[in-house]
Amino acid sequence: MLRQLKAASREESSMKARMLATHVALPVLAIAVSAQAHAADFDWMKFKGKTVIFLANNNPVSQALLTYRADFEKLTGMTLKVDGYQEQQMRQRLVTVMNANSDEVDVYMTLPSREGEQFAAAGWYADLTAMAKNDVAKDYDPAGLSQALLKAATFNGKLTSMPMNLEGPIFYYRTDIFKKCGLEAPKTIKDVEAAAEKIKTCDSTVTPFVSRGLKPAVAYTFSNMLHNIGGTYMADGKSNLCSAKGKEALDTYSRLLRDFGPPGVVNYSFQQISALYRGGRAAMAFESSNELRTVMEGGARLKDTGLLPFPAGDAGQVPTTIGWGMAVSSHSKQPDVAWYFVQWATSPEVQKKMALQGIAPPRPSVANDPEYRKWIDEEPVRKEWQAALDVLATKGSSEVGYPIVANPQSREFIGQAVQDLILKQKPIDQACADADKALDALISLN
C-alpha cells in the first residue's frame, strides 16, 4: 500500500505545494448538478433522535463552531455529543479508537496536510464523495467550497473530509512597543532578529519573540521560515535539512527562540503563545491566523497589534497555508447520520457565523459577504488579518513536514532538531545530520 502511494504522494505534493487556498475552478460540475437534483428531497429531520459523537480538537475552529451546537440540535432533532481534547491528546484518542476498529467516534477533525495520506492508507476515512453528490441540502453548495482544499483532501479518488477553515501562521507584533523602541514593521527575517535584539534592551518587561517550540508542533511555523529562506525538506529523494538553506533555517529559528523567547519555550504551542501575547507579555508572536479570535479576547490587544505574513527571506514570502477538515470515521455505524453534522458544520450559514468570530472561511462567497466585509472593516487589525490571509491564499504552500505517508512522524524529527539547538544539546551539524538520518529511514519506507 505504501509503495502504491509513493507516486500519488509526490504528485499531490507538487500540486498542493503552491496556491493551496486559491479558489480556482476545478471540475465539480458533476457534484453540483447531482446535488441540485437531490436537494429538493433533503430533510434535516430525517435522523431525529439520533446521537452523533464528534471528536474535537479544542482549538479556535472547534470553539467557534460549537458556539452554535444548539442550532444543530434544534435543526436536526439530533443530539451532538462532543469528545474534546487538546490537539496532541485528541490525536492519541483517535489512534486508540481507530486501531480498535471502534465506533465510539462518528466525526473527527483532521488536517489533510498532516495525516491525510497516512489515515487514507490506514483506511480511517469514510469516502464522502457520494454523500457530497447525492445527499445535500439546497443551500449547502459543495461547489462553493475551496476546490483546492477539497482536492488536497482527496486521496486515491476518495474525498476524505470537508473544509472547515483556511489558515496559516502569521506575524503578530505590538505596534506600541515598536514605536517606543523606534522600530518599523519588519520586512525581512533579519529585521525580525534585529527588532528582537533592540526590544530586549529597550523593554525588559516583555519577551521579544515567541513561536512554537513544542516538538510535534514546530513544523507548522518552522516550515514557513524554511520556505521563505529558500530551503526544501527533500532533494533527490533524501532529507535536505543539512543543506546550507536548511541549516540556516534551523539556526535562525532556534536562535530566535533560545535568545529572545520565554523560559520553557520547548513546551510552547498555540495555547501558551496566545496567552503570552494576549496578556501583554510578548512583543512579537509567530502563530496561527486562527488565533486572532483568542488573542483579541477581552480587547486588550485590539488597538496595539499589527499583523503581517511572516517577513521575507531569500526566497520571498512562501507562507504555510492549510485548513482543518471534518471527516467521518470509517468505523462509524451511522455514516449517513454523521454526514448531516459534517454538512451543517461546513455549510455557508455556519461558516459565515464562524468567520465573524475570526475563523477564515474556505468559501469565497463567505469571504465576499457584505456582513463579513463590514466586520473586517470595523477594526484595522482585522483588515491586516484579511490582507495576510490574502497572501496565504495566493502564495501558500501546504508542505508542512515531509511530503510522505509518514508525515506526522517526520514532524517529530524536525521538532527534535530544533529543540536540540534551542537547548544547546547538539551543534547544528550534528542536529541536522541526526535528523536527516532518521528522516531518510522514514522516506525509504514511503
Protein backbone atom coordinates (compact mmCIF):
# COMPACT_ATOMS: atom_id res chain seq x y z
CA MET A 1 0.00 0.00 0.00
CA LEU A 2 2.75 2.48 0.92
CA ARG A 3 4.61 1.75 -2.31
CA GLN A 4 1.43 2.41 -4.29
CA LEU A 5 1.01 5.72 -2.52
CA LYS A 6 4.53 6.92 -3.30
CA ALA A 7 3.81 8.21 -6.78
CA ALA A 8 0.48 9.65 -5.71
CA SER A 9 2.15 11.35 -2.75
CA ARG A 10 4.70 13.14 -4.92
CA GLU A 11 2.07 14.15 -7.45
CA GLU A 12 -0.19 15.51 -4.70
CA SER A 13 2.72 17.33 -3.02
CA SER A 14 3.78 19.18 -6.15
CA MET A 15 0.16 20.11 -6.83
CA LYS A 16 -0.58 21.25 -3.32
CA ALA A 17 2.69 22.99 -2.56
CA ARG A 18 1.62 26.23 -4.23
CA MET A 19 -1.58 28.26 -4.04
CA LEU A 20 -3.35 25.68 -1.88
CA ALA A 21 -6.09 28.02 -0.83
CA THR A 22 -6.77 29.75 -4.11
CA HIS A 23 -10.39 29.34 -5.11
CA VAL A 24 -9.66 28.03 -8.58
CA ALA A 25 -12.38 26.42 -10.65
CA LEU A 26 -11.67 22.70 -10.63
CA PRO A 27 -14.14 20.23 -12.18
CA VAL A 28 -17.02 19.95 -9.72
CA LEU A 29 -19.88 20.25 -12.18
CA ALA A 30 -20.91 16.64 -11.61
CA ILE A 31 -21.16 17.19 -7.87
CA ALA A 32 -23.08 20.44 -8.30
CA VAL A 33 -25.60 19.03 -10.80
CA SER A 34 -26.17 15.85 -8.82
CA ALA A 35 -26.53 17.82 -5.58
CA GLN A 36 -29.18 20.06 -7.12
CA ALA A 37 -31.12 17.01 -8.24
CA HIS A 38 -31.34 15.64 -4.71
CA ALA A 39 -31.66 18.86 -2.70
CA ALA A 40 -35.43 19.01 -3.09
CA ASP A 41 -35.74 15.72 -1.19
CA PHE A 42 -33.43 16.72 1.65
CA ASP A 43 -34.91 16.59 5.17
CA TRP A 44 -32.84 17.92 8.11
CA MET A 45 -35.13 15.98 10.50
CA LYS A 46 -34.51 12.66 8.77
CA PHE A 47 -32.44 11.34 11.70
CA LYS A 48 -34.33 12.93 14.56
CA GLY A 49 -33.50 11.22 17.86
CA LYS A 50 -30.06 10.00 16.76
CA THR A 51 -26.79 10.91 18.55
CA VAL A 52 -23.62 11.99 16.73
CA ILE A 53 -20.26 11.68 18.51
CA PHE A 54 -17.74 14.34 17.49
CA LEU A 55 -14.05 14.06 18.40
CA ALA A 56 -12.89 17.67 18.53
CA ASN A 57 -9.58 19.43 18.81
CA ASN A 58 -10.10 22.21 21.35
CA ASN A 59 -8.74 24.92 19.10
CA PRO A 60 -10.38 28.18 17.93
CA VAL A 61 -12.01 26.46 14.94
CA SER A 62 -14.00 23.97 17.01
CA GLN A 63 -14.62 26.54 19.73
CA ALA A 64 -16.25 28.86 17.22
CA LEU A 65 -18.23 26.00 15.65
CA LEU A 66 -19.55 24.67 18.94
CA THR A 67 -20.89 28.11 19.85
CA TYR A 68 -23.78 27.05 17.60
CA ARG A 69 -24.16 23.49 18.85
CA ALA A 70 -27.75 24.12 19.99
CA ASP A 71 -28.64 25.32 16.48
CA PHE A 72 -27.62 21.95 15.03
CA GLU A 73 -29.64 20.03 17.60
CA LYS A 74 -32.71 22.23 17.00
CA LEU A 75 -32.41 21.97 13.20
CA THR A 76 -31.99 18.18 13.14
CA GLY A 77 -33.60 16.87 16.32
CA MET A 78 -30.32 15.03 16.93
CA THR A 79 -28.05 15.11 19.95
CA LEU A 80 -24.43 16.14 19.48
CA LYS A 81 -22.00 14.53 21.90
CA VAL A 82 -18.63 16.27 21.91
CA ASP A 83 -15.46 14.44 22.92
CA GLY A 84 -12.97 17.31 23.14
CA TYR A 85 -9.24 17.32 23.87
CA GLN A 86 -6.17 19.45 23.29
CA GLU A 87 -4.54 18.67 19.96
CA GLN A 88 -1.99 16.01 20.91
CA GLN A 89 -4.43 14.25 23.23
CA MET A 90 -7.11 14.36 20.56
CA ARG A 91 -4.84 12.56 18.13
CA GLN A 92 -3.88 9.96 20.74
CA ARG A 93 -7.57 9.33 21.39
CA LEU A 94 -8.28 8.99 17.66
CA VAL A 95 -5.45 6.49 17.13
CA THR A 96 -6.72 4.39 20.04
CA VAL A 97 -10.27 4.35 18.67
CA MET A 98 -9.25 3.62 15.10
CA ASN A 99 -6.78 0.87 15.93
CA ALA A 100 -9.55 -0.82 17.91
CA ASN A 101 -11.94 -0.58 14.92
CA SER A 102 -14.31 1.11 17.36
CA ASP A 103 -17.48 3.01 16.52
CA GLU A 104 -17.01 5.35 19.52
CA VAL A 105 -16.38 8.26 17.14
CA ASP A 106 -18.59 9.26 14.20
CA VAL A 107 -16.95 12.53 13.11
CA TYR A 108 -13.46 13.90 13.79
CA MET A 109 -11.30 16.88 12.88
CA THR A 110 -8.38 16.20 10.60
CA LEU A 111 -5.51 18.05 8.94
CA PRO A 112 -5.15 16.59 5.43
CA SER A 113 -1.74 18.28 5.09
CA ARG A 114 -0.50 16.37 8.14
CA GLU A 115 -2.09 12.96 8.37
CA GLY A 116 -4.20 12.75 5.22
CA GLU A 117 -2.08 10.25 3.31
CA GLN A 118 -1.38 8.19 6.43
CA PHE A 119 -5.02 7.99 7.53
CA ALA A 120 -6.16 7.26 3.99
CA ALA A 121 -3.63 4.42 3.70
CA ALA A 122 -4.85 3.05 7.03
CA GLY A 123 -8.47 3.16 5.87
CA TRP A 124 -9.62 5.50 8.63
CA TYR A 125 -11.66 7.86 6.46
CA ALA A 126 -15.13 7.20 5.12
CA ASP A 127 -15.42 8.27 1.48
CA LEU A 128 -17.61 11.38 1.31
CA THR A 129 -17.74 11.56 -2.49
CA ALA A 130 -21.19 10.04 -2.92
CA MET A 131 -22.66 11.91 0.05
CA ALA A 132 -21.44 15.24 -1.31
CA LYS A 133 -23.12 14.40 -4.62
CA ASN A 134 -26.33 12.77 -3.54
CA ASP A 135 -27.34 13.91 -0.06
CA VAL A 136 -27.08 17.67 0.32
CA ALA A 137 -29.40 20.45 1.38
CA LYS A 138 -30.39 23.06 -1.21
CA ASP A 139 -28.20 25.80 0.28
CA TYR A 140 -25.13 23.65 1.03
CA ASP A 141 -23.37 24.28 -2.30
CA PRO A 142 -20.43 21.84 -2.23
CA ALA A 143 -19.08 23.52 -5.38
CA GLY A 144 -18.78 26.75 -3.38
CA LEU A 145 -16.12 25.35 -1.05
CA SER A 146 -12.46 25.96 -1.87
CA GLN A 147 -11.83 23.45 -4.62
CA ALA A 148 -8.11 23.40 -3.89
CA LEU A 149 -8.79 22.43 -0.27
CA LEU A 150 -11.20 19.72 -1.42
CA LYS A 151 -8.54 18.46 -3.83
CA ALA A 152 -5.99 18.47 -1.01
CA ALA A 153 -8.36 16.24 0.99
CA THR A 154 -8.77 13.73 -1.86
CA PHE A 155 -6.58 10.62 -1.84
CA ASN A 156 -6.76 7.89 -4.47
CA GLY A 157 -10.04 9.35 -5.71
CA LYS A 158 -11.69 9.39 -2.27
CA LEU A 159 -12.90 12.63 -0.69
CA THR A 160 -11.87 12.26 2.95
CA SER A 161 -13.05 15.49 4.60
CA MET A 162 -14.89 18.77 4.05
CA PRO A 163 -13.02 22.05 4.65
CA MET A 164 -13.73 23.94 7.87
CA ASN A 165 -11.38 26.88 7.50
CA LEU A 166 -8.36 28.44 5.83
CA GLU A 167 -5.30 29.12 7.99
CA GLY A 168 -1.58 29.55 8.33
CA PRO A 169 0.92 31.07 10.76
CA ILE A 170 1.19 34.88 10.65
CA PHE A 171 3.27 37.51 12.42
CA TYR A 172 1.66 39.40 15.35
CA TYR A 173 3.54 42.39 16.73
CA ARG A 174 2.95 45.14 19.28
CA THR A 175 2.79 48.46 17.48
CA ASP A 176 3.13 50.42 20.74
CA ILE A 177 6.35 48.61 21.72
CA PHE A 178 7.76 49.02 18.22
CA LYS A 179 7.02 52.75 18.38
CA LYS A 180 8.53 53.06 21.85
CA CYS A 181 11.71 51.30 20.68
CA GLY A 182 11.95 53.24 17.41
CA LEU A 183 11.28 50.23 15.19
CA GLU A 184 9.49 49.83 11.87
CA ALA A 185 7.42 46.78 10.98
CA PRO A 186 9.91 44.08 9.87
CA LYS A 187 10.16 43.36 6.16
CA THR A 188 12.68 40.52 6.34
CA ILE A 189 13.63 37.70 8.68
CA LYS A 190 16.81 39.61 9.53
CA ASP A 191 14.63 42.57 10.56
CA VAL A 192 12.78 40.30 12.99
CA GLU A 193 16.01 39.30 14.70
CA ALA A 194 17.25 42.91 14.78
CA ALA A 195 13.95 44.01 16.33
CA ALA A 196 14.20 41.28 18.96
CA GLU A 197 17.72 42.46 19.86
CA LYS A 198 16.55 46.04 20.29
CA ILE A 199 13.41 45.17 22.25
CA LYS A 200 15.46 43.02 24.63
CA THR A 201 17.32 46.14 25.80
CA CYS A 202 14.56 48.69 25.18
CA ASP A 203 11.80 46.93 27.17
CA SER A 204 12.99 44.18 29.50
CA THR A 205 9.45 43.56 30.79
CA VAL A 206 8.37 41.66 27.65
CA THR A 207 9.50 38.58 25.75
CA PRO A 208 10.86 39.87 22.44
CA PHE A 209 9.78 36.92 20.26
CA VAL A 210 7.76 33.73 20.69
CA SER A 211 6.80 30.89 18.37
CA ARG A 212 6.30 27.14 18.62
CA GLY A 213 8.94 25.11 20.42
CA LEU A 214 6.90 22.01 21.29
CA LYS A 215 8.41 19.15 19.29
CA PRO A 216 5.34 17.88 17.35
CA ALA A 217 4.08 21.45 16.79
CA VAL A 218 7.29 23.08 15.48
CA ALA A 219 6.90 22.14 11.80
CA TYR A 220 3.81 24.34 11.39
CA THR A 221 5.77 27.55 11.94
CA PHE A 222 9.27 26.35 11.04
CA SER A 223 8.12 25.32 7.55
CA ASN A 224 7.20 28.91 6.74
CA MET A 225 10.71 30.09 7.70
CA LEU A 226 12.37 27.23 5.79
CA HIS A 227 10.47 28.03 2.61
CA ASN A 228 10.99 31.80 2.95
CA ILE A 229 14.74 31.23 3.28
CA GLY A 230 14.66 29.02 0.19
CA GLY A 231 15.06 25.60 1.79
CA THR A 232 13.27 22.37 0.93
CA TYR A 233 12.59 19.31 3.05
CA MET A 234 13.71 16.88 0.36
CA ALA A 235 16.14 16.84 -2.58
CA ASP A 236 16.86 13.88 -4.85
CA GLY A 237 14.72 11.64 -2.67
CA LYS A 238 16.66 12.39 0.51
CA SER A 239 16.17 14.60 3.55
CA ASN A 240 17.66 18.05 2.97
CA LEU A 241 17.93 19.64 6.43
CA CYS A 242 21.72 19.66 6.25
CA SER A 243 21.73 21.76 3.09
CA ALA A 244 23.00 25.32 3.50
CA LYS A 245 19.45 26.71 3.46
CA GLY A 246 18.18 24.00 5.78
CA LYS A 247 20.88 24.74 8.34
CA GLU A 248 20.25 28.47 8.03
CA ALA A 249 16.55 27.94 8.77
CA LEU A 250 17.26 25.63 11.72
CA ASP A 251 19.84 28.01 13.15
CA THR A 252 17.72 31.14 12.73
CA TYR A 253 14.50 29.65 14.11
CA SER A 254 16.16 28.05 17.14
CA ARG A 255 18.31 31.11 17.85
CA LEU A 256 15.25 33.41 17.91
CA LEU A 257 13.58 31.16 20.46
CA ARG A 258 16.71 30.50 22.50
CA ASP A 259 17.92 34.10 22.72
CA PHE A 260 14.64 36.01 22.67
CA GLY A 261 11.92 33.55 23.64
CA PRO A 262 10.28 32.80 27.01
CA PRO A 263 11.61 30.29 29.54
CA GLY A 264 10.38 26.79 28.74
CA VAL A 265 9.66 27.63 25.09
CA VAL A 266 10.27 23.99 24.13
CA ASN A 267 6.84 23.34 25.68
CA TYR A 268 5.07 26.11 23.76
CA SER A 269 2.33 25.58 21.22
CA PHE A 270 -0.58 27.82 20.23
CA GLN A 271 -2.26 27.92 23.66
CA GLN A 272 0.82 29.18 25.50
CA ILE A 273 1.81 31.59 22.73
CA SER A 274 -1.60 33.22 22.52
CA ALA A 275 -1.87 33.54 26.29
CA LEU A 276 1.56 35.18 26.48
CA TYR A 277 0.78 37.64 23.71
CA ARG A 278 -2.78 38.41 24.81
CA GLY A 279 -1.50 39.10 28.32
CA GLY A 280 0.87 41.78 27.02
CA ARG A 281 4.00 39.75 27.79
CA ALA A 282 5.33 39.31 24.24
CA ALA A 283 6.31 41.90 21.64
CA MET A 284 6.26 39.54 18.64
CA ALA A 285 4.45 36.25 18.14
CA PHE A 286 4.54 33.94 15.14
CA GLU A 287 1.40 31.85 15.38
CA SER A 288 -1.72 30.68 13.55
CA SER A 289 -4.12 33.09 11.88
CA ASN A 290 -6.80 31.15 13.79
CA GLU A 291 -5.51 32.71 16.99
CA LEU A 292 -6.89 36.17 16.12
CA ARG A 293 -10.05 35.24 18.00
CA THR A 294 -8.12 34.14 21.10
CA VAL A 295 -5.54 36.93 21.01
CA MET A 296 -8.24 39.60 20.75
CA GLU A 297 -10.32 38.13 23.57
CA GLY A 298 -11.00 40.82 26.14
CA GLY A 299 -9.96 43.57 23.72
CA ALA A 300 -6.63 44.44 25.35
CA ARG A 301 -4.67 43.82 22.13
CA LEU A 302 -7.26 45.24 19.75
CA LYS A 303 -5.63 48.65 19.29
CA ASP A 304 -1.92 47.83 19.69
CA THR A 305 -1.45 44.84 17.39
CA GLY A 306 -0.14 44.77 13.84
CA LEU A 307 -0.39 41.69 11.62
CA LEU A 308 1.72 40.57 8.67
CA PRO A 309 2.55 37.45 6.72
CA PHE A 310 5.87 36.21 8.11
CA PRO A 311 8.62 38.52 6.77
CA ALA A 312 10.55 37.53 3.67
CA GLY A 313 13.76 35.56 3.33
CA ASP A 314 15.91 35.00 0.25
CA ALA A 315 13.01 33.22 -1.45
CA GLY A 316 10.49 35.94 -0.58
CA GLN A 317 7.28 35.01 1.20
CA VAL A 318 6.11 31.41 0.95
CA PRO A 319 3.57 31.14 3.78
CA THR A 320 2.24 27.89 5.17
CA THR A 321 -1.40 27.52 4.13
CA ILE A 322 -3.61 24.67 5.30
CA GLY A 323 -7.11 24.01 6.61
CA TRP A 324 -8.86 21.71 9.06
CA GLY A 325 -11.40 19.26 7.68
CA MET A 326 -14.39 17.38 9.04
CA ALA A 327 -14.07 13.63 8.44
CA VAL A 328 -16.42 10.72 9.03
CA SER A 329 -14.86 7.68 10.67
CA SER A 330 -14.75 4.57 8.51
CA HIS A 331 -15.77 2.64 11.63
CA SER A 332 -18.91 4.66 12.32
CA LYS A 333 -22.08 2.57 12.15
CA GLN A 334 -24.05 5.62 11.04
CA PRO A 335 -22.06 7.45 8.35
CA ASP A 336 -25.22 8.92 6.83
CA VAL A 337 -26.13 10.44 10.21
CA ALA A 338 -22.57 11.69 10.69
CA TRP A 339 -22.68 13.31 7.25
CA TYR A 340 -25.58 15.54 8.38
CA PHE A 341 -23.37 17.00 11.10
CA VAL A 342 -20.44 17.45 8.68
CA GLN A 343 -22.74 19.15 6.20
CA TRP A 344 -24.19 21.51 8.80
CA ALA A 345 -20.74 22.36 10.20
CA THR A 346 -19.33 23.22 6.75
CA SER A 347 -22.42 24.98 5.41
CA PRO A 348 -22.35 28.60 4.16
CA GLU A 349 -24.53 29.77 7.05
CA VAL A 350 -22.37 28.26 9.78
CA GLN A 351 -19.10 29.23 8.13
CA LYS A 352 -20.31 32.83 7.90
CA LYS A 353 -21.04 32.82 11.65
CA MET A 354 -17.60 31.36 12.34
CA ALA A 355 -15.98 33.95 10.06
CA LEU A 356 -17.47 36.71 12.21
CA GLN A 357 -15.53 35.15 15.10
CA GLY A 358 -12.23 35.31 13.22
CA ILE A 359 -12.19 31.88 11.54
CA ALA A 360 -11.16 32.46 7.94
CA PRO A 361 -13.80 30.92 5.65
CA PRO A 362 -12.95 28.31 2.99
CA ARG A 363 -15.78 29.66 0.84
CA PRO A 364 -15.26 32.65 -1.50
CA SER A 365 -18.93 33.56 -1.12
CA VAL A 366 -18.49 34.00 2.64
CA ALA A 367 -15.21 35.87 2.25
CA ASN A 368 -17.03 38.32 -0.03
CA ASP A 369 -20.23 38.54 2.02
CA PRO A 370 -21.16 42.17 2.82
CA GLU A 371 -21.69 41.46 6.53
CA TYR A 372 -18.30 39.78 6.80
CA ARG A 373 -16.59 42.61 4.90
CA LYS A 374 -18.27 45.12 7.21
CA TRP A 375 -16.90 43.20 10.22
CA ILE A 376 -13.42 43.22 8.67
CA ASP A 377 -13.59 46.99 8.06
CA GLU A 378 -14.60 47.77 11.64
CA GLU A 379 -11.06 47.36 13.05
CA PRO A 380 -7.65 47.99 11.45
CA VAL A 381 -6.27 44.75 12.91
CA ARG A 382 -8.98 42.77 11.10
CA LYS A 383 -8.07 44.45 7.82
CA GLU A 384 -4.44 43.46 8.33
CA TRP A 385 -5.55 39.92 9.22
CA GLN A 386 -7.53 39.64 5.98
CA ALA A 387 -4.63 41.11 4.00
CA ALA A 388 -2.32 38.45 5.49
CA LEU A 389 -4.86 35.75 4.61
CA ASP A 390 -4.97 37.02 1.04
CA VAL A 391 -1.20 36.46 0.83
CA LEU A 392 -1.66 32.96 2.26
CA ALA A 393 -4.33 32.28 -0.35
CA THR A 394 -2.18 33.35 -3.31
CA LYS A 395 1.34 32.32 -2.25
CA GLY A 396 0.79 29.49 0.19
CA SER A 397 2.50 26.13 0.45
CA SER A 398 0.83 23.15 2.11
CA GLU A 399 4.17 21.40 2.70
CA VAL A 400 4.31 21.15 6.49
CA GLY A 401 6.83 18.44 7.24
CA TYR A 402 7.85 15.83 4.71
CA PRO A 403 5.59 15.02 1.73
CA ILE A 404 5.43 11.33 2.64
CA VAL A 405 2.86 9.00 4.15
CA ALA A 406 4.71 9.16 7.48
CA ASN A 407 4.35 12.95 7.61
CA PRO A 408 3.31 13.03 11.30
CA GLN A 409 6.47 11.14 12.31
CA SER A 410 8.60 13.43 10.15
CA ARG A 411 7.44 16.40 12.20
CA GLU A 412 8.77 14.82 15.36
CA PHE A 413 12.30 14.72 13.90
CA ILE A 414 12.09 18.31 12.68
CA GLY A 415 10.99 19.35 16.16
CA GLN A 416 13.76 17.33 17.77
CA ALA A 417 16.43 19.09 15.69
CA VAL A 418 15.03 22.49 16.68
CA GLN A 419 14.86 21.53 20.36
CA ASP A 420 18.41 20.18 20.30
CA LEU A 421 19.54 23.60 19.10
CA ILE A 422 17.38 25.64 21.47
CA LEU A 423 18.71 23.66 24.43
CA LYS A 424 22.27 23.61 23.04
CA GLN A 425 22.34 19.83 23.28
CA LYS A 426 23.98 19.44 19.85
CA PRO A 427 25.90 21.62 17.39
CA ILE A 428 23.94 22.34 14.22
CA ASP A 429 25.86 19.87 12.03
CA GLN A 430 25.06 17.02 14.39
CA ALA A 431 21.45 18.10 14.94
CA CYS A 432 20.67 18.21 11.22
CA ALA A 433 22.68 15.05 10.46
CA ASP A 434 20.84 13.06 13.14
CA ALA A 435 17.53 14.35 11.82
CA ASP A 436 18.42 13.59 8.20
CA LYS A 437 19.44 10.03 9.11
CA ALA A 438 16.14 9.35 10.87
CA LEU A 439 14.14 11.06 8.14
CA ASP A 440 15.87 9.15 5.36
CA ALA A 441 14.80 5.95 7.11
CA LEU A 442 11.19 7.20 7.04
CA ILE A 443 11.45 8.24 3.41
CA SER A 444 12.75 4.79 2.43
CA LEU A 445 9.52 3.26 3.76
CA ASN A 446 7.33 5.56 1.71
